[in-house]
Structure formats: C-alpha cells, structure tokens
C-alpha cells in the first residue's frame, strides 16, 4: 500500500527519493537491506494515525486484521506522506540518506568498534528483534532484543541443535568472551551444540572431574 501511495499523482515532489527507496526495498531487515530503516521510522509514526487501516481490527478475525492502509481517503494520504517526510528528516539528522542500508545505519559499538547488526523493532513485524536508540555519529544502536538464539530439530539419529549467545559469555569489556559471538550472529551463523557423548568428548576443551562422595 505504501508503494501504491508513492505512485499516486498527489505525491509531494520532495518525497521522490524516499518513495523510490520504499519501492526498491527488499522487504527485509538484513544488513544489505536499503529502506528498512526508512520504513521503520515511517511506520513508527504511521501506525498511530487515526483510522489508518483499510480494514480495522476484528476480534473474529484476529490473524488477518487490521490490514491494508486506507489510502483512498485524502486525509489519510496526507498524514502518511507527512510521516514519510518526517521519517526521511529523522534519517537526515543522523547524516543518512533515505536509502541507507542497515549495515551503514544500525551498529553496535563494541570496544570502540562499530559492528553492523541486522533486525528490527517489534512493530515492524520482524522476528529478529533488536530495539534501537538513536546515537549521534553512530545511527541506530541496538540495546535490547535478540540474545540467546537456538534452533533445534531431529535427524535419523536424534536431536540436532544449533545456537549462539549474541552478547557473548562475558559482560566484562576486557574479556575475550565479550560479544565474542556477535560477528557470527551478524553473519547469520550458529554453533553446532554438542548433544551426544562422542560430540561432547571431542571438544578440544573437554575435561572430566570426578567429585568424591563426601560419605566415602
């Protein structure tokens, strides 16, 4: 609906680049996605516009409502265009063009180094949740969201589990385990988590400690 809105004849000329960004956006919040940050800023404003939906929420259809934008209504179109302009202005204040990619505009500072992080806010409908705050000179900095990531399934021999800890295994900045798994998370990778004894004992750091029974 926003793409259709941008194609309407009453589109303000100053929104040409913002509209072009929305049209070309891949509809994802990946590192290379251009338009995700613009849409997030736009939708954070648009979602509170009165009667913005073409079909309002219906308790009898909770999975499919609300849906669509009421772009046939003049006042709704005006409000949506204003929200898009405000979203572009918000990015401009951070030094970004409307088509800034997530890798350029959404980063976490770890020991002075900017680390690109994908994901979006809860109202984006993004499963990879990363709440952000605006930081001058950085852009959007994630501060809460994805933490322990795990995927578990089964093959013909039993459980298969993969996972990682986004924030690393230590909160101490001088530790080698401080955000040590962030790069793997950003690359959409995961560790294979050992489940079977043979996998556990094959770990280079494996050791065995026998604790004697205090009664003995």
Protein backbone atom coordinates (compact mmCIF):
# COMPACT_ATOMS: atom_id res chain seq x y z
CA UNK A 1 0.00 0.00 0.00
CA UNK A 2 2.88 2.38 0.67
CA UNK A 3 4.26 1.59 -2.80
CA UNK A 4 0.84 2.36 -4.26
CA UNK A 5 0.72 5.55 -2.20
CA UNK A 6 4.06 6.66 -3.65
CA UNK A 7 2.71 6.12 -7.15
CA UNK A 8 -0.22 8.49 -6.70
CA UNK A 9 -0.34 11.78 -8.59
CA UNK A 10 -0.61 13.87 -5.42
CA UNK A 11 2.76 12.65 -4.12
CA UNK A 12 4.88 15.57 -2.89
CA UNK A 13 7.91 16.08 -5.14
CA UNK A 14 10.25 16.33 -2.15
CA UNK A 15 9.47 12.72 -1.27
CA UNK A 16 10.67 11.33 -4.60
CA UNK A 17 13.83 9.75 -3.16
CA UNK A 18 12.06 8.39 -0.09
CA UNK A 19 9.35 6.85 -2.27
CA UNK A 20 11.94 5.40 -4.65
CA UNK A 21 13.66 3.81 -1.65
CA UNK A 22 10.43 2.21 -0.43
CA UNK A 23 9.65 0.88 -3.91
CA UNK A 24 13.09 -0.74 -4.23
CA UNK A 25 13.26 -2.04 -0.64
CA UNK A 26 13.61 -5.83 -0.48
CA UNK A 27 11.08 -6.02 2.40
CA UNK A 28 13.70 -7.45 4.76
CA UNK A 29 15.76 -6.14 7.66
CA UNK A 30 19.03 -7.74 6.58
CA UNK A 31 22.37 -5.94 6.69
CA UNK A 32 22.22 -5.12 2.98
CA UNK A 33 18.57 -4.01 3.04
CA UNK A 34 18.07 -0.42 1.89
CA UNK A 35 14.77 1.03 3.01
CA UNK A 36 14.27 -0.91 6.24
CA UNK A 37 15.38 1.97 8.46
CA UNK A 38 13.30 4.45 6.49
CA UNK A 39 10.22 2.24 6.72
CA UNK A 40 10.73 1.68 10.44
CA UNK A 41 10.84 5.42 11.08
CA UNK A 42 7.83 5.86 8.80
CA UNK A 43 5.78 3.11 10.40
CA UNK A 44 6.57 4.20 13.95
CA UNK A 45 4.70 7.40 13.05
CA UNK A 46 2.07 5.99 10.70
CA UNK A 47 0.78 3.22 12.94
CA UNK A 48 -0.76 5.78 15.33
CA UNK A 49 -2.62 7.72 12.62
CA UNK A 50 -6.36 7.53 13.43
CA UNK A 51 -8.24 5.11 11.17
CA UNK A 52 -5.10 4.41 9.14
CA UNK A 53 -6.11 0.84 8.30
CA UNK A 54 -8.37 -0.03 5.39
CA UNK A 55 -9.72 -2.94 7.45
CA UNK A 56 -9.69 -2.30 11.22
CA UNK A 57 -9.11 -4.95 13.85
CA UNK A 58 -11.86 -7.54 14.11
CA UNK A 59 -11.84 -9.86 17.13
CA UNK A 60 -13.45 -12.52 14.94
CA UNK A 61 -10.51 -12.33 12.51
CA UNK A 62 -7.53 -11.72 14.79
CA UNK A 63 -4.95 -13.20 12.42
CA UNK A 64 -5.86 -11.14 9.36
CA UNK A 65 -6.87 -7.80 10.85
CA UNK A 66 -6.02 -4.99 10.90
CA UNK A 67 -4.74 -4.90 7.34
CA UNK A 68 -4.15 -2.53 4.48
CA UNK A 69 -3.83 1.25 4.56
CA UNK A 70 -6.81 3.45 3.77
CA UNK A 71 -5.01 5.34 1.00
CA UNK A 72 -8.28 6.13 -0.74
CA UNK A 73 -9.03 8.71 1.95
CA UNK A 74 -7.44 12.12 1.35
CA UNK A 75 -6.68 12.92 4.99
CA UNK A 76 -5.03 9.53 5.45
CA UNK A 77 -2.86 10.03 2.37
CA UNK A 78 -1.76 13.44 3.64
CA UNK A 79 -0.92 12.03 7.08
CA UNK A 80 1.04 9.14 5.55
CA UNK A 81 3.02 11.47 3.31
CA UNK A 82 3.81 13.65 6.32
CA UNK A 83 5.01 10.58 8.21
CA UNK A 84 7.24 9.57 5.30
CA UNK A 85 8.72 13.07 5.13
CA UNK A 86 9.33 13.09 8.88
CA UNK A 87 10.99 9.67 8.60
CA UNK A 88 13.37 10.92 5.90
CA UNK A 89 14.12 14.02 8.00
CA UNK A 90 14.86 11.81 11.01
CA UNK A 91 17.45 9.88 8.98
CA UNK A 92 18.90 13.10 7.59
CA UNK A 93 19.51 14.41 11.11
CA UNK A 94 21.70 11.35 11.68
CA UNK A 95 23.56 12.05 8.44
CA UNK A 96 21.83 9.33 6.42
CA UNK A 97 20.10 9.31 3.06
CA UNK A 98 16.67 7.64 2.82
CA UNK A 99 18.23 4.55 1.21
CA UNK A 100 20.84 3.97 3.91
CA UNK A 101 21.43 0.26 4.45
CA UNK A 102 21.12 -1.38 7.85
CA UNK A 103 24.85 -2.19 7.78
CA UNK A 104 25.59 1.54 7.48
CA UNK A 105 22.96 2.85 9.85
CA UNK A 106 22.38 0.22 12.56
CA UNK A 107 25.52 -0.61 14.51
CA UNK A 108 26.61 -1.65 17.95
CA UNK A 109 29.77 -0.12 19.39
CA UNK A 110 31.96 -2.82 20.95
CA UNK A 111 35.20 -1.55 22.50
CA UNK A 112 35.20 1.42 20.13
CA UNK A 113 34.47 -0.61 17.01
CA UNK A 114 31.19 -0.29 15.11
CA UNK A 115 29.58 -3.67 14.45
CA UNK A 116 26.68 -3.83 11.96
CA UNK A 117 23.63 -5.65 13.34
CA UNK A 118 20.52 -6.64 11.41
CA UNK A 119 16.96 -6.90 12.72
CA UNK A 120 14.09 -4.57 13.51
CA UNK A 121 11.62 -3.36 16.09
CA UNK A 122 8.55 -5.20 17.33
CA UNK A 123 6.10 -3.06 15.32
CA UNK A 124 7.99 -3.95 12.12
CA UNK A 125 6.75 -7.50 12.45
CA UNK A 126 10.38 -8.68 12.42
CA UNK A 127 11.21 -11.97 14.14
CA UNK A 128 14.84 -10.91 14.58
CA UNK A 129 14.04 -8.32 17.23
CA UNK A 130 16.55 -5.58 18.02
CA UNK A 131 15.31 -2.46 19.79
CA UNK A 132 17.43 0.59 18.97
CA UNK A 133 18.14 4.12 20.13
CA UNK A 134 19.48 6.97 18.03
CA UNK A 135 23.11 7.85 18.74
CA UNK A 136 24.76 10.82 17.04
CA UNK A 137 27.71 9.68 14.94
CA UNK A 138 26.56 6.06 15.06
CA UNK A 139 22.97 5.94 13.87
CA UNK A 140 20.67 3.35 15.37
CA UNK A 141 22.32 1.41 18.19
CA UNK A 142 20.71 -1.87 19.32
CA UNK A 143 20.31 -2.02 23.10
CA UNK A 144 17.87 -4.87 23.65
CA UNK A 145 16.42 -7.78 21.74
CA UNK A 146 17.95 -10.94 20.28
CA UNK A 147 20.06 -12.66 22.93
CA UNK A 148 20.10 -16.46 23.02
CA UNK A 149 19.40 -17.85 19.56
CA UNK A 150 18.64 -21.55 19.17
CA UNK A 151 17.26 -23.87 16.52
CA UNK A 152 16.55 -27.49 17.34
CA UNK A 153 15.41 -30.35 15.14
CA UNK A 154 15.84 -34.07 14.71
CA UNK A 155 17.58 -36.27 12.19
CA UNK A 156 17.58 -40.07 11.91
CA UNK A 157 19.91 -40.38 14.90
CA UNK A 158 18.31 -37.91 17.30
CA UNK A 159 18.39 -34.22 18.31
CA UNK A 160 20.33 -31.65 16.28
CA UNK A 161 20.78 -28.27 17.95
CA UNK A 162 22.46 -25.04 16.89
CA UNK A 163 22.69 -21.79 18.80
CA UNK A 164 24.68 -18.82 19.97
CA UNK A 165 24.72 -16.12 22.62
CA UNK A 166 24.58 -12.76 20.85
CA UNK A 167 26.04 -10.80 23.75
CA UNK A 168 28.84 -13.31 24.33
CA UNK A 169 29.66 -15.18 27.51
CA UNK A 170 31.01 -12.23 29.48
CA UNK A 171 29.82 -8.71 30.31
CA UNK A 172 33.39 -7.63 31.05
CA UNK A 173 34.73 -5.49 28.15
CA UNK A 174 38.28 -6.74 28.66
CA UNK A 175 37.27 -10.39 28.41
CA UNK A 176 37.90 -12.26 25.14
CA UNK A 177 34.33 -13.56 25.51
CA UNK A 178 32.79 -10.07 25.48
CA UNK A 179 30.46 -10.02 22.44
CA UNK A 180 32.65 -12.76 21.01
CA UNK A 181 29.71 -14.28 19.09
CA UNK A 182 28.33 -11.03 17.65
CA UNK A 183 30.13 -11.37 14.31
CA UNK A 184 28.76 -14.89 13.86
CA UNK A 185 25.27 -13.59 14.68
CA UNK A 186 25.64 -10.77 12.16
CA UNK A 187 26.64 -13.33 9.53
CA UNK A 188 23.54 -15.41 10.40
CA UNK A 189 25.66 -18.28 11.61
CA UNK A 190 25.27 -20.57 14.60
CA UNK A 191 27.34 -23.04 16.55
CA UNK A 192 26.51 -26.73 16.45
CA UNK A 193 25.73 -27.56 20.07
CA UNK A 194 27.06 -30.97 21.17
CA UNK A 195 24.41 -33.40 22.38
CA UNK A 196 25.87 -36.88 22.06
CA UNK A 197 28.67 -38.09 24.31
CA UNK A 198 31.01 -38.56 21.35
CA UNK A 199 30.49 -34.92 20.32
CA UNK A 200 30.98 -33.63 23.87
CA UNK A 201 34.18 -35.60 24.40
CA UNK A 202 35.53 -34.49 21.01
CA UNK A 203 35.57 -30.86 22.15
CA UNK A 204 39.19 -29.61 22.50
CA UNK A 205 38.29 -28.11 25.86
CA UNK A 206 36.72 -31.26 27.22
CA UNK A 207 37.84 -32.39 30.66
CA UNK A 208 36.46 -34.74 33.26
CA UNK A 209 36.33 -34.10 37.01
CA UNK A 210 35.23 -36.77 39.43
CA UNK A 211 33.79 -35.40 42.68
CA UNK A 212 34.15 -37.89 45.52
CA UNK A 213 31.17 -38.76 47.65
CA UNK A 214 31.63 -36.93 50.98
CA UNK A 215 30.36 -40.06 52.74
CA UNK A 216 33.33 -42.07 51.49
